[in-house]
């Protein structure tokens, strides 16, 4: 079962250029990840707010992504603040703990059966 992730971030105006550069690097980096289905950044009327939609074939692919892009994820975290981090799909407790230990608080929503 695939895992869908929705992340909202805010970026200070002074760091928008650096954020956009890092977001582009992340988007390029995932091209070599076979388990990544979707990885798209969105913005709206507020130029300091961004939404990332990620989809992975399964929880292992989501974890592989976090490991493969760890350095870039750490850098982008220095120029942005995550305001929301939602994961849709069923994850093991071990993976939930690992994600939260590296990236803070998540809202987990398992598949409705």
PDB file of N, CA and C in Angstrom:
ATOM      1  N   UNK A   1       0.842  -1.177   0.000  1.00  0.00           N
ATOM      2  CA  UNK A   1       0.000   0.000   0.000  1.00  0.00           C
ATOM      3  C   UNK A   1       0.886   1.239   0.000  1.00  0.00           C
ATOM      4  N   UNK A   2       0.562   2.210  -0.837  1.00  0.00           N
ATOM      5  CA  UNK A   2       1.394   3.410  -0.926  1.00  0.00           C
ATOM      6  C   UNK A   2       1.239   4.294   0.314  1.00  0.00           C
ATOM      7  N   UNK A   3       2.228   5.144   0.508  1.00  0.00           N
ATOM      8  CA  UNK A   3       2.264   6.102   1.612  1.00  0.00           C
ATOM      9  C   UNK A   3       2.250   7.497   0.997  1.00  0.00           C
ATOM     10  N   UNK A   4       1.308   8.321   1.425  1.00  0.00           N
ATOM     11  CA  UNK A   4       1.195   9.697   0.946  1.00  0.00           C
ATOM     12  C   UNK A   4       1.574  10.631   2.088  1.00  0.00           C
ATOM     13  N   UNK A   5       2.401  11.619   1.786  1.00  0.00           N
ATOM     14  CA  UNK A   5       2.867  12.568   2.797  1.00  0.00           C
ATOM     15  C   UNK A   5       2.554  13.981   2.316  1.00  0.00           C
ATOM     16  N   UNK A   6       2.036  14.798   3.235  1.00  0.00           N
ATOM     17  CA  UNK A   6       1.757  16.210   2.946  1.00  0.00           C
ATOM     18  C   UNK A   6       2.460  17.034   4.017  1.00  0.00           C
ATOM     19  N   UNK A   7       3.384  17.883   3.563  1.00  0.00           N
ATOM     20  CA  UNK A   7       4.177  18.699   4.472  1.00  0.00           C
ATOM     21  C   UNK A   7       3.940  20.173   4.142  1.00  0.00           C
ATOM     22  N   UNK A   8       3.644  20.977   5.161  1.00  0.00           N
ATOM     23  CA  UNK A   8       3.538  22.428   4.992  1.00  0.00           C
ATOM     24  C   UNK A   8       4.735  23.068   5.674  1.00  0.00           C
ATOM     25  N   UNK A   9       5.354  24.035   4.984  1.00  0.00           N
ATOM     26  CA  UNK A   9       6.474  24.765   5.573  1.00  0.00           C
ATOM     27  C   UNK A   9       6.306  26.256   5.336  1.00  0.00           C
ATOM     28  N   UNK A  10       6.875  27.030   6.237  1.00  0.00           N
ATOM     29  CA  UNK A  10       6.977  28.470   6.031  1.00  0.00           C
ATOM     30  C   UNK A  10       8.457  28.822   5.930  1.00  0.00           C
ATOM     31  N   UNK A  11       8.716  29.856   5.142  1.00  0.00           N
ATOM     32  CA  UNK A  11      10.089  30.255   4.869  1.00  0.00           C
ATOM     33  C   UNK A  11      10.210  31.766   5.062  1.00  0.00           C
ATOM     34  N   UNK A  12      11.169  32.211   5.865  1.00  0.00           N
ATOM     35  CA  UNK A  12      11.378  33.656   5.998  1.00  0.00           C
ATOM     36  C   UNK A  12      11.757  34.263   4.641  1.00  0.00           C
ATOM     37  N   UNK A  13      11.293  35.460   4.391  1.00  0.00           N
ATOM     38  CA  UNK A  13      11.527  36.108   3.092  1.00  0.00           C
ATOM     39  C   UNK A  13      13.008  36.136   2.719  1.00  0.00           C
ATOM     40  N   UNK A  14      13.859  36.385   3.683  1.00  0.00           N
ATOM     41  CA  UNK A  14      15.298  36.474   3.419  1.00  0.00           C
ATOM     42  C   UNK A  14      15.907  35.140   2.981  1.00  0.00           C
ATOM     43  N   UNK A  15      15.196  34.042   3.203  1.00  0.00           N
ATOM     44  CA  UNK A  15      15.740  32.725   2.871  1.00  0.00           C
ATOM     45  C   UNK A  15      14.992  32.040   1.729  1.00  0.00           C
ATOM     46  N   UNK A  16      14.116  32.763   1.055  1.00  0.00           N
ATOM     47  CA  UNK A  16      13.327  32.157  -0.020  1.00  0.00           C
ATOM     48  C   UNK A  16      14.194  31.614  -1.150  1.00  0.00           C
ATOM     49  N   UNK A  17      15.198  32.352  -1.582  1.00  0.00           N
ATOM     50  CA  UNK A  17      16.046  31.882  -2.684  1.00  0.00           C
ATOM     51  C   UNK A  17      16.779  30.600  -2.312  1.00  0.00           C
ATOM     52  N   UNK A  18      17.340  30.564  -1.115  1.00  0.00           N
ATOM     53  CA  UNK A  18      18.047  29.355  -0.669  1.00  0.00           C
ATOM     54  C   UNK A  18      17.082  28.181  -0.537  1.00  0.00           C
ATOM     55  N   UNK A  19      15.891  28.446  -0.001  1.00  0.00           N
ATOM     56  CA  UNK A  19      14.893  27.388   0.123  1.00  0.00           C
ATOM     57  C   UNK A  19      14.539  26.818  -1.249  1.00  0.00           C
ATOM     58  N   UNK A  20      14.259  27.698  -2.206  1.00  0.00           N
ATOM     59  CA  UNK A  20      13.884  27.232  -3.549  1.00  0.00           C
ATOM     60  C   UNK A  20      15.010  26.403  -4.184  1.00  0.00           C
ATOM     61  N   UNK A  21      16.239  26.816  -3.985  1.00  0.00           N
ATOM     62  CA  UNK A  21      17.376  26.068  -4.518  1.00  0.00           C
ATOM     63  C   UNK A  21      17.446  24.670  -3.897  1.00  0.00           C
ATOM     64  N   UNK A  22      17.279  24.587  -2.589  1.00  0.00           N
ATOM     65  CA  UNK A  22      17.314  23.288  -1.912  1.00  0.00           C
ATOM     66  C   UNK A  22      16.125  22.417  -2.311  1.00  0.00           C
ATOM     67  N   UNK A  23      14.949  23.013  -2.469  1.00  0.00           N
ATOM     68  CA  UNK A  23      13.771  22.253  -2.899  1.00  0.00           C
ATOM     69  C   UNK A  23      13.998  21.665  -4.291  1.00  0.00           C
ATOM     70  N   UNK A  24      14.631  22.432  -5.175  1.00  0.00           N
ATOM     71  CA  UNK A  24      14.947  21.920  -6.518  1.00  0.00           C
ATOM     72  C   UNK A  24      15.951  20.774  -6.440  1.00  0.00           C
ATOM     73  N   UNK A  25      16.946  20.893  -5.564  1.00  0.00           N
ATOM     74  CA  UNK A  25      17.924  19.813  -5.395  1.00  0.00           C
ATOM     75  C   UNK A  25      17.250  18.542  -4.880  1.00  0.00           C
ATOM     76  N   UNK A  26      16.327  18.692  -3.947  1.00  0.00           N
ATOM     77  CA  UNK A  26      15.592  17.525  -3.449  1.00  0.00           C
ATOM     78  C   UNK A  26      14.773  16.888  -4.563  1.00  0.00           C
ATOM     79  N   UNK A  27      14.117  17.711  -5.354  1.00  0.00           N
ATOM     80  CA  UNK A  27      13.293  17.200  -6.449  1.00  0.00           C
ATOM     81  C   UNK A  27      14.149  16.438  -7.455  1.00  0.00           C
ATOM     82  N   UNK A  28      15.342  16.931  -7.721  1.00  0.00           N
ATOM     83  CA  UNK A  28      16.263  16.239  -8.627  1.00  0.00           C
ATOM     84  C   UNK A  28      16.774  14.943  -7.998  1.00  0.00           C
ATOM     85  N   UNK A  29      17.084  14.979  -6.714  1.00  0.00           N
ATOM     86  CA  UNK A  29      17.636  13.806  -6.024  1.00  0.00           C
ATOM     87  C   UNK A  29      16.681  12.624  -6.035  1.00  0.00           C
ATOM     88  N   UNK A  30      15.385  12.874  -5.977  1.00  0.00           N
ATOM     89  CA  UNK A  30      14.433  11.760  -5.902  1.00  0.00           C
ATOM     90  C   UNK A  30      14.241  11.069  -7.252  1.00  0.00           C
ATOM     91  N   UNK A  31      14.748  11.656  -8.334  1.00  0.00           N
ATOM     92  CA  UNK A  31      14.589  11.034  -9.646  1.00  0.00           C
ATOM     93  C   UNK A  31      15.218   9.648  -9.701  1.00  0.00           C
ATOM     94  N   UNK A  32      16.210   9.395  -8.850  1.00  0.00           N
ATOM     95  CA  UNK A  32      16.885   8.095  -8.818  1.00  0.00           C
ATOM     96  C   UNK A  32      16.307   7.142  -7.778  1.00  0.00           C
ATOM     97  N   UNK A  33      15.218   7.537  -7.137  1.00  0.00           N
ATOM     98  CA  UNK A  33      14.595   6.680  -6.124  1.00  0.00           C
ATOM     99  C   UNK A  33      13.459   5.884  -6.760  1.00  0.00           C
ATOM    100  N   UNK A  34      13.657   4.575  -6.930  1.00  0.00           N
ATOM    101  CA  UNK A  34      12.625   3.781  -7.601  1.00  0.00           C
ATOM    102  C   UNK A  34      11.312   3.686  -6.830  1.00  0.00           C
ATOM    103  N   UNK A  35      11.346   3.899  -5.529  1.00  0.00           N
ATOM    104  CA  UNK A  35      10.133   3.772  -4.725  1.00  0.00           C
ATOM    105  C   UNK A  35       9.342   5.055  -4.568  1.00  0.00           C
ATOM    106  N   UNK A  36       9.830   6.142  -5.176  1.00  0.00           N
ATOM    107  CA  UNK A  36       9.124   7.416  -5.082  1.00  0.00           C
ATOM    108  C   UNK A  36       8.189   7.564  -6.275  1.00  0.00           C
ATOM    109  N   UNK A  37       6.906   7.702  -5.997  1.00  0.00           N
ATOM    110  CA  UNK A  37       5.891   7.845  -7.042  1.00  0.00           C
ATOM    111  C   UNK A  37       5.691   9.312  -7.398  1.00  0.00           C
ATOM    112  N   UNK A  38       5.640  10.164  -6.388  1.00  0.00           N
ATOM    113  CA  UNK A  38       5.320  11.585  -6.587  1.00  0.00           C
ATOM    114  C   UNK A  38       6.114  12.414  -5.589  1.00  0.00           C
ATOM    115  N   UNK A  39       6.586  13.569  -6.060  1.00  0.00           N
ATOM    116  CA  UNK A  39       7.321  14.499  -5.203  1.00  0.00           C
ATOM    117  C   UNK A  39       7.155  15.882  -5.808  1.00  0.00           C
ATOM    118  N   UNK A  40       6.206  16.663  -5.305  1.00  0.00           N
ATOM    119  CA  UNK A  40       5.862  17.952  -5.908  1.00  0.00           C
ATOM    120  C   UNK A  40       5.716  19.044  -4.861  1.00  0.00           C
ATOM    121  N   UNK A  41       6.296  20.199  -5.167  1.00  0.00           N
ATOM    122  CA  UNK A  41       6.176  21.384  -4.324  1.00  0.00           C
ATOM    123  C   UNK A  41       5.102  22.297  -4.879  1.00  0.00           C
ATOM    124  N   UNK A  42       4.330  22.918  -3.993  1.00  0.00           N
ATOM    125  CA  UNK A  42       3.274  23.859  -4.374  1.00  0.00           C
ATOM    126  C   UNK A  42       3.402  25.118  -3.524  1.00  0.00           C
ATOM    127  N   UNK A  43       2.949  26.229  -4.075  1.00  0.00           N
ATOM    128  CA  UNK A  43       2.869  27.475  -3.323  1.00  0.00           C
ATOM    129  C   UNK A  43       1.602  28.198  -3.758  1.00  0.00           C
ATOM    130  N   UNK A  44       1.229  29.216  -3.009  1.00  0.00           N
ATOM    131  CA  UNK A  44      -0.016  29.919  -3.320  1.00  0.00           C
ATOM    132  C   UNK A  44       0.137  31.418  -3.192  1.00  0.00           C
ATOM    133  N   UNK A  45      -0.900  32.056  -2.716  1.00  0.00           N
ATOM    134  CA  UNK A  45      -0.890  33.514  -2.575  1.00  0.00           C
ATOM    135  C   UNK A  45       0.186  33.995  -1.613  1.00  0.00           C
ATOM    136  N   UNK A  46       0.414  33.244  -0.553  1.00  0.00           N
ATOM    137  CA  UNK A  46       1.435  33.607   0.426  1.00  0.00           C
ATOM    138  C   UNK A  46       2.781  33.052  -0.061  1.00  0.00           C
ATOM    139  N   UNK A  47       3.694  33.915  -0.512  1.00  0.00           N
ATOM    140  CA  UNK A  47       4.954  33.426  -1.078  1.00  0.00           C
ATOM    141  C   UNK A  47       5.891  32.778  -0.063  1.00  0.00           C
ATOM    142  N   UNK A  48       5.554  32.864   1.220  1.00  0.00           N
ATOM    143  CA  UNK A  48       6.414  32.256   2.239  1.00  0.00           C
ATOM    144  C   UNK A  48       5.921  30.876   2.677  1.00  0.00           C
ATOM    145  N   UNK A  49       4.817  30.410   2.101  1.00  0.00           N
ATOM    146  CA  UNK A  49       4.241  29.121   2.496  1.00  0.00           C
ATOM    147  C   UNK A  49       4.313  28.146   1.323  1.00  0.00           C
ATOM    148  N   UNK A  50       4.776  26.937   1.612  1.00  0.00           N
ATOM    149  CA  UNK A  50       4.919  25.898   0.597  1.00  0.00           C
ATOM    150  C   UNK A  50       4.294  24.606   1.110  1.00  0.00           C
ATOM    151  N   UNK A  51       3.805  23.809   0.172  1.00  0.00           N
ATOM    152  CA  UNK A  51       3.262  22.488   0.486  1.00  0.00           C
ATOM    153  C   UNK A  51       3.997  21.476  -0.387  1.00  0.00           C
ATOM    154  N   UNK A  52       4.447  20.415   0.236  1.00  0.00           N
ATOM    155  CA  UNK A  52       5.091  19.316  -0.472  1.00  0.00           C
ATOM    156  C   UNK A  52       4.178  18.107  -0.401  1.00  0.00           C
ATOM    157  N   UNK A  53       3.923  17.501  -1.563  1.00  0.00           N
ATOM    158  CA  UNK A  53       3.171  16.247  -1.635  1.00  0.00           C
ATOM    159  C   UNK A  53       4.148  15.169  -2.093  1.00  0.00           C
ATOM    160  N   UNK A  54       4.266  14.133  -1.277  1.00  0.00           N
ATOM    161  CA  UNK A  54       5.148  13.009  -1.588  1.00  0.00           C
ATOM    162  C   UNK A  54       4.320  11.729  -1.581  1.00  0.00           C
ATOM    163  N   UNK A  55       4.649  10.812  -2.472  1.00  0.00           N
ATOM    164  CA  UNK A  55       4.010   9.496  -2.430  1.00  0.00           C
ATOM    165  C   UNK A  55       5.069   8.441  -2.705  1.00  0.00           C
ATOM    166  N   UNK A  56       5.018   7.390  -1.888  1.00  0.00           N
ATOM    167  CA  UNK A  56       5.986   6.303  -1.981  1.00  0.00           C
ATOM    168  C   UNK A  56       5.247   4.980  -2.137  1.00  0.00           C
ATOM    169  N   UNK A  57       5.896   4.013  -2.778  1.00  0.00           N
ATOM    170  CA  UNK A  57       5.232   2.732  -3.018  1.00  0.00           C
ATOM    171  C   UNK A  57       4.893   2.012  -1.723  1.00  0.00           C
ATOM    172  N   UNK A  58       5.712   2.210  -0.685  1.00  0.00           N
ATOM    173  CA  UNK A  58       5.452   1.576   0.609  1.00  0.00           C
ATOM    174  C   UNK A  58       6.280   2.282   1.683  1.00  0.00           C
ATOM    175  N   UNK A  59       6.164   1.811   2.912  1.00  0.00           N
ATOM    176  CA  UNK A  59       6.871   2.477   4.014  1.00  0.00           C
ATOM    177  C   UNK A  59       8.383   2.363   3.883  1.00  0.00           C
ATOM    178  N   UNK A  60       8.872   1.265   3.322  1.00  0.00           N
ATOM    179  CA  UNK A  60      10.319   1.126   3.140  1.00  0.00           C
ATOM    180  C   UNK A  60      10.856   2.178   2.175  1.00  0.00           C
ATOM    181  N   UNK A  61      10.100   2.460   1.121  1.00  0.00           N
ATOM    182  CA  UNK A  61      10.516   3.488   0.156  1.00  0.00           C
ATOM    183  C   UNK A  61      10.530   4.870   0.803  1.00  0.00           C
ATOM    184  N   UNK A  62       9.565   5.143   1.675  1.00  0.00           N
ATOM    185  CA  UNK A  62       9.535   6.429   2.387  1.00  0.00           C
ATOM    186  C   UNK A  62      10.759   6.557   3.290  1.00  0.00           C
ATOM    187  N   UNK A  63      11.092   5.484   3.967  1.00  0.00           N
ATOM    188  CA  UNK A  63      12.256   5.485   4.846  1.00  0.00           C
ATOM    189  C   UNK A  63      13.545   5.617   4.034  1.00  0.00           C
ATOM    190  N   UNK A  64      13.633   4.908   2.906  1.00  0.00           N
ATOM    191  CA  UNK A  64      14.805   5.020   2.032  1.00  0.00           C
ATOM    192  C   UNK A  64      14.994   6.463   1.566  1.00  0.00           C
ATOM    193  N   UNK A  65      13.898   7.123   1.220  1.00  0.00           N
ATOM    194  CA  UNK A  65      13.970   8.523   0.789  1.00  0.00           C
ATOM    195  C   UNK A  65      14.572   9.391   1.892  1.00  0.00           C
ATOM    196  N   UNK A  66      14.094   9.227   3.107  1.00  0.00           N
ATOM    197  CA  UNK A  66      14.609  10.036   4.217  1.00  0.00           C
ATOM    198  C   UNK A  66      16.088   9.768   4.469  1.00  0.00           C
ATOM    199  N   UNK A  67      16.511   8.547   4.262  1.00  0.00           N
ATOM    200  CA  UNK A  67      17.928   8.215   4.449  1.00  0.00           C
ATOM    201  C   UNK A  67      18.769   8.754   3.291  1.00  0.00           C
ATOM    202  N   UNK A  68      18.286   8.576   2.060  1.00  0.00           N
ATOM    203  CA  UNK A  68      19.032   9.019   0.876  1.00  0.00           C
ATOM    204  C   UNK A  68      19.176  10.537   0.816  1.00  0.00           C
ATOM    205  N   UNK A  69      18.165  11.245   1.252  1.00  0.00           N
ATOM    206  CA  UNK A  69      18.148  12.713   1.156  1.00  0.00           C
ATOM    207  C   UNK A  69      18.396  13.384   2.499  1.00  0.00           C
ATOM    208  N   UNK A  70      18.895  12.640   3.458  1.00  0.00           N
ATOM    209  CA  UNK A  70      19.065  13.165   4.810  1.00  0.00           C
ATOM    210  C   UNK A  70      19.818  14.477   4.887  1.00  0.00           C
ATOM    211  N   UNK A  71      20.938  14.593   4.170  1.00  0.00           N
ATOM    212  CA  UNK A  71      21.737  15.822   4.234  1.00  0.00           C
ATOM    213  C   UNK A  71      20.960  17.011   3.675  1.00  0.00           C
ATOM    214  N   UNK A  72      20.274  16.807   2.554  1.00  0.00           N
ATOM    215  CA  UNK A  72      19.471  17.895   1.975  1.00  0.00           C
ATOM    216  C   UNK A  72      18.293  18.253   2.874  1.00  0.00           C
ATOM    217  N   UNK A  73      17.671  17.249   3.476  1.00  0.00           N
ATOM    218  CA  UNK A  73      16.552  17.520   4.383  1.00  0.00           C
ATOM    219  C   UNK A  73      17.014  18.327   5.597  1.00  0.00           C
ATOM    220  N   UNK A  74      18.211  18.019   6.091  1.00  0.00           N
ATOM    221  CA  UNK A  74      18.752  18.791   7.214  1.00  0.00           C
ATOM    222  C   UNK A  74      19.005  20.239   6.812  1.00  0.00           C
ATOM    223  N   UNK A  75      19.532  20.441   5.600  1.00  0.00           N
ATOM    224  CA  UNK A  75      19.800  21.808   5.128  1.00  0.00           C
ATOM    225  C   UNK A  75      18.512  22.604   4.946  1.00  0.00           C
ATOM    226  N   UNK A  76      17.510  21.977   4.334  1.00  0.00           N
ATOM    227  CA  UNK A  76      16.268  22.716   4.084  1.00  0.00           C
ATOM    228  C   UNK A  76      15.571  23.057   5.400  1.00  0.00           C
ATOM    229  N   UNK A  77      15.804  22.240   6.418  1.00  0.00           N
ATOM    230  CA  UNK A  77      15.218  22.512   7.738  1.00  0.00           C
ATOM    231  C   UNK A  77      15.833  23.751   8.388  1.00  0.00           C
ATOM    232  N   UNK A  78      17.022  24.153   7.951  1.00  0.00           N
ATOM    233  CA  UNK A  78      17.650  25.347   8.523  1.00  0.00           C
ATOM    234  C   UNK A  78      17.088  26.640   7.940  1.00  0.00           C
ATOM    235  N   UNK A  79      16.357  26.547   6.826  1.00  0.00           N
ATOM    236  CA  UNK A  79      15.806  27.753   6.185  1.00  0.00           C
ATOM    237  C   UNK A  79      14.283  27.737   6.136  1.00  0.00           C
ATOM    238  N   UNK A  80      13.683  26.774   6.795  1.00  0.00           N
ATOM    239  CA  UNK A  80      12.218  26.671   6.786  1.00  0.00           C
ATOM    240  C   UNK A  80      11.736  26.087   8.108  1.00  0.00           C
ATOM    241  N   UNK A  81      10.444  26.257   8.356  1.00  0.00           N
ATOM    242  CA  UNK A  81       9.818  25.695   9.549  1.00  0.00           C
ATOM    243  C   UNK A  81       8.641  24.841   9.121  1.00  0.00           C
ATOM    244  N   UNK A  82       8.649  23.583   9.523  1.00  0.00           N
ATOM    245  CA  UNK A  82       7.522  22.702   9.220  1.00  0.00           C
ATOM    246  C   UNK A  82       6.366  23.089  10.128  1.00  0.00           C
ATOM    247  N   UNK A  83       5.227  23.397   9.519  1.00  0.00           N
ATOM    248  CA  UNK A  83       4.048  23.757  10.300  1.00  0.00           C
ATOM    249  C   UNK A  83       3.028  22.631  10.339  1.00  0.00           C
ATOM    250  N   UNK A  84       3.178  21.672   9.437  1.00  0.00           N
ATOM    251  CA  UNK A  84       2.273  20.526   9.416  1.00  0.00           C
ATOM    252  C   UNK A  84       2.967  19.395   8.673  1.00  0.00           C
ATOM    253  N   UNK A  85       2.783  18.170   9.170  1.00  0.00           N
ATOM    254  CA  UNK A  85       3.422  17.004   8.583  1.00  0.00           C
ATOM    255  C   UNK A  85       2.458  15.828   8.716  1.00  0.00           C
ATOM    256  N   UNK A  86       1.722  15.530   7.663  1.00  0.00           N
ATOM    257  CA  UNK A  86       0.706  14.473   7.692  1.00  0.00           C
ATOM    258  C   UNK A  86       1.150  13.284   6.851  1.00  0.00           C
ATOM    259  N   UNK A  87       0.974  12.092   7.396  1.00  0.00           N
ATOM    260  CA  UNK A  87       1.297  10.864   6.681  1.00  0.00           C
ATOM    261  C   UNK A  87       0.025  10.039   6.563  1.00  0.00           C
ATOM    262  N   UNK A  88      -0.331   9.687   5.330  1.00  0.00           N
ATOM    263  CA  UNK A  88      -1.533   8.906   5.054  1.00  0.00           C
ATOM    264  C   UNK A  88      -1.116   7.522   4.581  1.00  0.00           C
ATOM    265  N   UNK A  89      -1.550   6.519   5.305  1.00  0.00           N
ATOM    266  CA  UNK A  89      -1.196   5.140   5.004  1.00  0.00           C
ATOM    267  C   UNK A  89      -0.780   4.451   6.291  1.00  0.00           C
ATOM    268  N   UNK A  90      -0.626   3.165   6.222  1.00  0.00           N
ATOM    269  CA  UNK A  90      -0.313   2.384   7.411  1.00  0.00           C
ATOM    270  C   UNK A  90       1.193   2.208   7.537  1.00  0.00           C
ATOM    271  N   UNK A  91       1.727   2.655   8.674  1.00  0.00           N
ATOM    272  CA  UNK A  91       3.154   2.530   8.966  1.00  0.00           C
ATOM    273  C   UNK A  91       3.347   1.734  10.247  1.00  0.00           C
ATOM    274  N   UNK A  92       4.468   1.032  10.315  1.00  0.00           N
ATOM    275  CA  UNK A  92       4.791   0.314  11.551  1.00  0.00           C
ATOM    276  C   UNK A  92       5.187   1.325  12.625  1.00  0.00           C
ATOM    277  N   UNK A  93       5.051   0.931  13.878  1.00  0.00           N
ATOM    278  CA  UNK A  93       5.432   1.806  14.989  1.00  0.00           C
ATOM    279  C   UNK A  93       6.920   2.149  14.943  1.00  0.00           C
ATOM    280  N   UNK A  94       7.759   1.197  14.505  1.00  0.00           N
ATOM    281  CA  UNK A  94       9.198   1.456  14.415  1.00  0.00           C
ATOM    282  C   UNK A  94       9.494   2.588  13.436  1.00  0.00           C
ATOM    283  N   UNK A  95       8.832   2.573  12.303  1.00  0.00           N
ATOM    284  CA  UNK A  95       9.071   3.615  11.301  1.00  0.00           C
ATOM    285  C   UNK A  95       8.507   4.949  11.777  1.00  0.00           C
ATOM    286  N   UNK A  96       7.372   4.934  12.448  1.00  0.00           N
ATOM    287  CA  UNK A  96       6.830   6.182  13.007  1.00  0.00           C
ATOM    288  C   UNK A  96       7.837   6.812  13.965  1.00  0.00           C
ATOM    289  N   UNK A  97       8.409   5.987  14.841  1.00  0.00           N
ATOM    290  CA  UNK A  97       9.389   6.505  15.802  1.00  0.00           C
ATOM    291  C   UNK A  97      10.624   7.060  15.097  1.00  0.00           C
ATOM    292  N   UNK A  98      11.084   6.352  14.080  1.00  0.00           N
ATOM    293  CA  UNK A  98      12.273   6.817  13.358  1.00  0.00           C
ATOM    294  C   UNK A  98      12.007   8.149  12.660  1.00  0.00           C
ATOM    295  N   UNK A  99      10.863   8.277  12.017  1.00  0.00           N
ATOM    296  CA  UNK A  99      10.523   9.539  11.353  1.00  0.00           C
ATOM    297  C   UNK A  99      10.451  10.680  12.355  1.00  0.00           C
ATOM    298  N   UNK A 100       9.757  10.460  13.455  1.00  0.00           N
ATOM    299  CA  UNK A 100       9.592  11.520  14.449  1.00  0.00           C
ATOM    300  C   UNK A 100      10.910  11.886  15.127  1.00  0.00           C
ATOM    301  N   UNK A 101      11.814  10.930  15.261  1.00  0.00           N
ATOM    302  CA  UNK A 101      13.097  11.235  15.902  1.00  0.00           C
ATOM    303  C   UNK A 101      13.939  12.170  15.043  1.00  0.00           C
ATOM    304  N   UNK A 102      13.709  12.164  13.732  1.00  0.00           N
ATOM    305  CA  UNK A 102      14.509  12.984  12.827  1.00  0.00           C
ATOM    306  C   UNK A 102      13.783  14.237  12.355  1.00  0.00           C
ATOM    307  N   UNK A 103      12.462  14.187  12.290  1.00  0.00           N
ATOM    308  CA  UNK A 103      11.748  15.285  11.645  1.00  0.00           C
ATOM    309  C   UNK A 103      10.623  15.866  12.484  1.00  0.00           C
ATOM    310  N   UNK A 104      10.556  15.538  13.741  1.00  0.00           N
ATOM    311  CA  UNK A 104       9.552  16.155  14.599  1.00  0.00           C
ATOM    312  C   UNK A 104       8.196  15.480  14.566  1.00  0.00           C
ATOM    313  N   UNK A 105       7.195  16.225  14.924  1.00  0.00           N
ATOM    314  CA  UNK A 105       5.835  15.709  15.108  1.00  0.00           C
ATOM    315  C   UNK A 105       5.128  15.471  13.777  1.00  0.00           C
ATOM    316  N   UNK A 106       4.490  14.330  13.681  1.00  0.00           N
ATOM    317  CA  UNK A 106       3.695  13.948  12.520  1.00  0.00           C
ATOM    318  C   UNK A 106       2.261  13.674  12.961  1.00  0.00           C
ATOM    319  N   UNK A 107       1.349  13.774  12.034  1.00  0.00           N
ATOM    320  CA  UNK A 107       0.003  13.248  12.218  1.00  0.00           C
ATOM    321  C   UNK A 107      -0.093  12.035  11.308  1.00  0.00           C
ATOM    322  N   UNK A 108      -0.382  10.883  11.881  1.00  0.00           N
ATOM    323  CA  UNK A 108      -0.478   9.645  11.113  1.00  0.00           C
ATOM    324  C   UNK A 108      -1.939   9.287  10.921  1.00  0.00           C
ATOM    325  N   UNK A 109      -2.325   9.023   9.681  1.00  0.00           N
ATOM    326  CA  UNK A 109      -3.697   8.648   9.360  1.00  0.00           C
ATOM    327  C   UNK A 109      -3.666   7.323   8.603  1.00  0.00           C
ATOM    328  N   UNK A 110      -3.945   6.215   9.294  1.00  0.00           N
ATOM    329  CA  UNK A 110      -3.938   4.921   8.614  1.00  0.00           C
ATOM    330  C   UNK A 110      -5.098   4.802   7.635  1.00  0.00           C
ATOM    331  N   UNK A 111      -4.944   3.889   6.716  1.00  0.00           N
ATOM    332  CA  UNK A 111      -5.974   3.636   5.717  1.00  0.00           C
ATOM    333  C   UNK A 111      -7.260   3.176   6.385  1.00  0.00           C
ATOM    334  N   UNK A 112      -8.364   3.721   5.951  1.00  0.00           N
ATOM    335  CA  UNK A 112      -9.683   3.331   6.454  1.00  0.00           C
ATOM    336  C   UNK A 112     -10.110   2.064   5.731  1.00  0.00           C
ATOM    337  N   UNK A 113     -10.339   1.003   6.484  1.00  0.00           N
ATOM    338  CA  UNK A 113     -10.762  -0.281   5.886  1.00  0.00           C
ATOM    339  C   UNK A 113     -12.238  -0.483   6.078  1.00  0.00           C
TER     340      UNK A 113
END
